[in-house]
Every structure is written in C-alpha cells, then in structure tokens.
C-alpha atoms as a PDB file:
ATOM      1  CA  MET A   1      -0.013   0.030   0.015  1.00  0.00           C
ATOM      2  CA  PHE A   2       1.176   3.469  -0.745  1.00  0.00           C
ATOM      3  CA  LEU A   3      -0.145   6.652   0.890  1.00  0.00           C
ATOM      4  CA  HIS A   4       0.229  10.026  -0.690  1.00  0.00           C
ATOM      5  CA  THR A   5       0.297  13.121   1.473  1.00  0.00           C
ATOM      6  CA  GLU A   6       1.609  16.573   0.809  1.00  0.00           C
ATOM      7  CA  CYS A   7       3.921  16.555   3.766  1.00  0.00           C
ATOM      8  CA  LEU A   8       5.995  13.821   2.097  1.00  0.00           C
ATOM      9  CA  ILE A   9       6.414  16.020  -1.030  1.00  0.00           C
ATOM     10  CA  GLN A  10       7.152  19.460   0.466  1.00  0.00           C
ATOM     11  CA  PRO A  11       8.558  20.503   3.758  1.00  0.00           C
ATOM     12  CA  ASP A  12       6.320  22.751   5.889  1.00  0.00           C
ATOM     13  CA  ARG A  13       8.517  25.770   6.573  1.00  0.00           C
ATOM     14  CA  ASP A  14       5.838  27.384   8.817  1.00  0.00           C
ATOM     15  CA  VAL A  15       5.917  24.577  11.437  1.00  0.00           C
ATOM     16  CA  LYS A  16       9.516  23.512  10.461  1.00  0.00           C
ATOM     17  CA  THR A  17       8.804  19.914   9.699  1.00  0.00           C
ATOM     18  CA  GLY A  18       9.565  17.712   6.799  1.00  0.00           C
ATOM     19  CA  TRP A  19      10.210  14.206   5.416  1.00  0.00           C
ATOM     20  CA  VAL A  20      12.765  12.709   3.075  1.00  0.00           C
ATOM     21  CA  MET A  21      11.895   9.356   1.446  1.00  0.00           C
ATOM     22  CA  LEU A  22      14.727   7.514  -0.278  1.00  0.00           C
ATOM     23  CA  ASP A  23      14.148   4.557  -2.627  1.00  0.00           C
ATOM     24  CA  ASP A  24      17.907   3.654  -2.460  1.00  0.00           C
ATOM     25  CA  VAL A  25      18.454   1.618   0.724  1.00  0.00           C
ATOM     26  CA  ALA A  26      22.194   2.220   0.394  1.00  0.00           C
ATOM     27  CA  ALA A  27      21.798   6.104   0.363  1.00  0.00           C
ATOM     28  CA  ASP A  28      23.207   8.087   3.371  1.00  0.00           C
ATOM     29  CA  LEU A  29      20.132   8.855   5.350  1.00  0.00           C
ATOM     30  CA  ASP A  30      22.067  11.213   7.693  1.00  0.00           C
ATOM     31  CA  LYS A  31      23.166  13.244   4.797  1.00  0.00           C
ATOM     32  CA  ALA A  32      19.550  13.587   3.576  1.00  0.00           C
ATOM     33  CA  ALA A  33      18.420  14.415   7.138  1.00  0.00           C
ATOM     34  CA  TRP A  34      21.095  17.160   7.408  1.00  0.00           C
ATOM     35  CA  LYS A  35      20.060  18.808   4.145  1.00  0.00           C
ATOM     36  CA  LEU A  36      16.444  18.902   5.348  1.00  0.00           C
ATOM     37  CA  VAL A  37      17.560  20.428   8.773  1.00  0.00           C
ATOM     38  CA  GLN A  38      19.556  23.086   6.861  1.00  0.00           C
ATOM     39  CA  GLN A  39      16.379  23.828   4.672  1.00  0.00           C
ATOM     40  CA  LEU A  40      14.131  24.127   7.660  1.00  0.00           C
ATOM     41  CA  SER A  41      16.433  26.073   9.997  1.00  0.00           C
ATOM     42  CA  ASP A  42      16.198  29.875  10.252  1.00  0.00           C
ATOM     43  CA  ILE A  43      19.797  29.798  11.466  1.00  0.00           C
ATOM     44  CA  PRO A  44      22.660  29.144   8.969  1.00  0.00           C
ATOM     45  CA  LEU A  45      24.361  25.821   9.755  1.00  0.00           C
ATOM     46  CA  LEU A  46      27.856  24.972   8.956  1.00  0.00           C
ATOM     47  CA  ASP A  47      28.398  21.551   7.326  1.00  0.00           C
ATOM     48  CA  HIS A  48      30.919  20.318   9.889  1.00  0.00           C
ATOM     49  CA  TRP A  49      28.149  20.653  12.567  1.00  0.00           C
ATOM     50  CA  GLN A  50      26.154  17.826  10.918  1.00  0.00           C
ATOM     51  CA  TYR A  51      26.953  14.901  13.331  1.00  0.00           C
ATOM     52  CA  ALA A  52      26.701  17.018  16.510  1.00  0.00           C
ATOM     53  CA  VAL A  53      23.430  18.703  15.598  1.00  0.00           C
ATOM     54  CA  LEU A  54      21.796  15.499  14.196  1.00  0.00           C
ATOM     55  CA  SER A  55      22.837  13.744  17.445  1.00  0.00           C
ATOM     56  CA  GLU A  56      21.345  16.493  19.518  1.00  0.00           C
ATOM     57  CA  LEU A  57      18.105  16.534  17.549  1.00  0.00           C
ATOM     58  CA  SER A  58      17.787  12.802  17.795  1.00  0.00           C
ATOM     59  CA  THR A  59      17.831  12.746  21.611  1.00  0.00           C
ATOM     60  CA  ASP A  60      14.261  14.156  21.696  1.00  0.00           C
ATOM     61  CA  ASN A  61      13.040  12.582  18.457  1.00  0.00           C
ATOM     62  CA  SER A  62      13.196  15.782  16.523  1.00  0.00           C
ATOM     63  CA  VAL A  63      14.960  13.605  13.891  1.00  0.00           C
ATOM     64  CA  LEU A  64      13.407  10.242  13.367  1.00  0.00           C
ATOM     65  CA  ARG A  65      15.028   7.716  11.098  1.00  0.00           C
ATOM     66  CA  PHE A  66      13.072   4.894   9.528  1.00  0.00           C
ATOM     67  CA  PRO A  67      15.512   2.443   7.979  1.00  0.00           C
ATOM     68  CA  PRO A  68      14.381  -0.140   5.432  1.00  0.00           C
ATOM     69  CA  VAL A  69      13.274  -2.852   7.881  1.00  0.00           C
ATOM     70  CA  ILE A  70      10.166  -4.414   9.181  1.00  0.00           C
ATOM     71  CA  GLY A  71       9.553  -3.585  12.853  1.00  0.00           C
ATOM     72  CA  GLU A  72       6.845  -3.770  15.497  1.00  0.00           C
ATOM     73  CA  GLU A  73       5.842  -0.103  14.968  1.00  0.00           C
ATOM     74  CA  TYR A  74       6.321   0.314  11.234  1.00  0.00           C
ATOM     75  CA  ALA A  75       7.399  -1.452   8.041  1.00  0.00           C
ATOM     76  CA  ALA A  76       9.558   0.347   5.548  1.00  0.00           C
ATOM     77  CA  VAL A  77      10.580  -2.162   2.807  1.00  0.00           C
ATOM     78  CA  GLY A  78      12.648  -0.969  -0.068  1.00  0.00           C
ATOM     79  CA  VAL A  79      12.703   2.549   1.208  1.00  0.00           C
ATOM     80  CA  GLN A  80      14.321   4.502   4.019  1.00  0.00           C
ATOM     81  CA  ALA A  81      12.868   7.724   5.464  1.00  0.00           C
ATOM     82  CA  VAL A  82      13.627  10.500   7.986  1.00  0.00           C
ATOM     83  CA  LYS A  83      11.255  12.909   9.545  1.00  0.00           C
ATOM     84  CA  VAL A  84      12.682  16.241  10.793  1.00  0.00           C
ATOM     85  CA  ALA A  85      10.832  18.606  13.115  1.00  0.00           C
ATOM     86  CA  ILE A  86      12.928  21.676  14.276  1.00  0.00           C
ATOM     87  CA  PRO A  87      12.157  22.326  17.911  1.00  0.00           C
ATOM     88  CA  GLY A  88      11.057  25.753  19.185  1.00  0.00           C
ATOM     89  CA  ASP A  89      14.259  25.979  21.296  1.00  0.00           C
ATOM     90  CA  PHE A  90      16.613  25.181  18.492  1.00  0.00           C
ATOM     91  CA  ASP A  91      18.466  28.484  18.632  1.00  0.00           C
ATOM     92  CA  VAL A  92      18.936  28.120  22.384  1.00  0.00           C
ATOM     93  CA  ARG A  93      20.306  24.528  21.913  1.00  0.00           C
ATOM     94  CA  LEU A  94      22.657  25.713  19.235  1.00  0.00           C
ATOM     95  CA  THR A  95      23.916  28.585  21.386  1.00  0.00           C
ATOM     96  CA  ALA A  96      24.527  26.104  24.318  1.00  0.00           C
ATOM     97  CA  MET A  97      26.386  23.766  21.929  1.00  0.00           C
ATOM     98  CA  LEU A  98      28.640  26.582  20.726  1.00  0.00           C
ATOM     99  CA  GLN A  99      29.254  27.824  24.344  1.00  0.00           C
ATOM    100  CA  SER A 100      30.051  24.292  25.501  1.00  0.00           C
ATOM    101  CA  GLY A 101      32.534  23.730  22.580  1.00  0.00           C
ATOM    102  CA  ARG A 102      30.422  20.961  20.994  1.00  0.00           C
ATOM    103  CA  LEU A 103      30.268  23.144  17.881  1.00  0.00           C
ATOM    104  CA  HIS A 104      33.157  25.048  16.564  1.00  0.00           C
ATOM    105  CA  PRO A 105      32.848  28.051  14.203  1.00  0.00           C
END
C-alpha cells in the first residue's frame, strides 16, 4: 500500500517539519536528514556541525530515522525515510552547543 500526502512532498517551513523518502536503501540517510535540517532552519548551519546537531536533535526525536526494515511499529521495505521537526528551542540549543565547545565556528 502506498499513501500520498503533501507533507511527504514538500517540507512545511511554517511549522519547520518535513520528510525525506529515499528509494535507495544504500543512500546516506544522515546526509539527507542534514540537508532537510539546513532547509528548515532559520539559522545558517555549517556543514561540519552535521553529526553533533543530528545527534542533539535525535535525543528528543526531532529527527526520526526509518531504516528499510520491518519492525513492530512500522514497516519500511525498499525505502528509508527520515522525519525532521525543528524544535522551538533550536536557537537556544545551538547557542549552548557553541558555548560548551560541542560546535566550533
């Protein structure tokens, strides 16, 4: 079964949420997630921040990855997906990461 919804096609910049669906199970899902985070963010993000920021956003499920597996909660066969929701305190979190040295200019 395939469901079509507009949120899978176009990110919602007003609520800062979006999805990436990849039909290549070998593709780099983190790279796709990072590009979407950069698109949705009001703050310019440096490329070398990718792993630290994705890790931070994954702690509260602001970045949810759906690998191409069958699991109890979902089944993604032949595709992989990521959902990104930029939290309201994103700017505060980035500032804290910069101040703590987790991010470098």
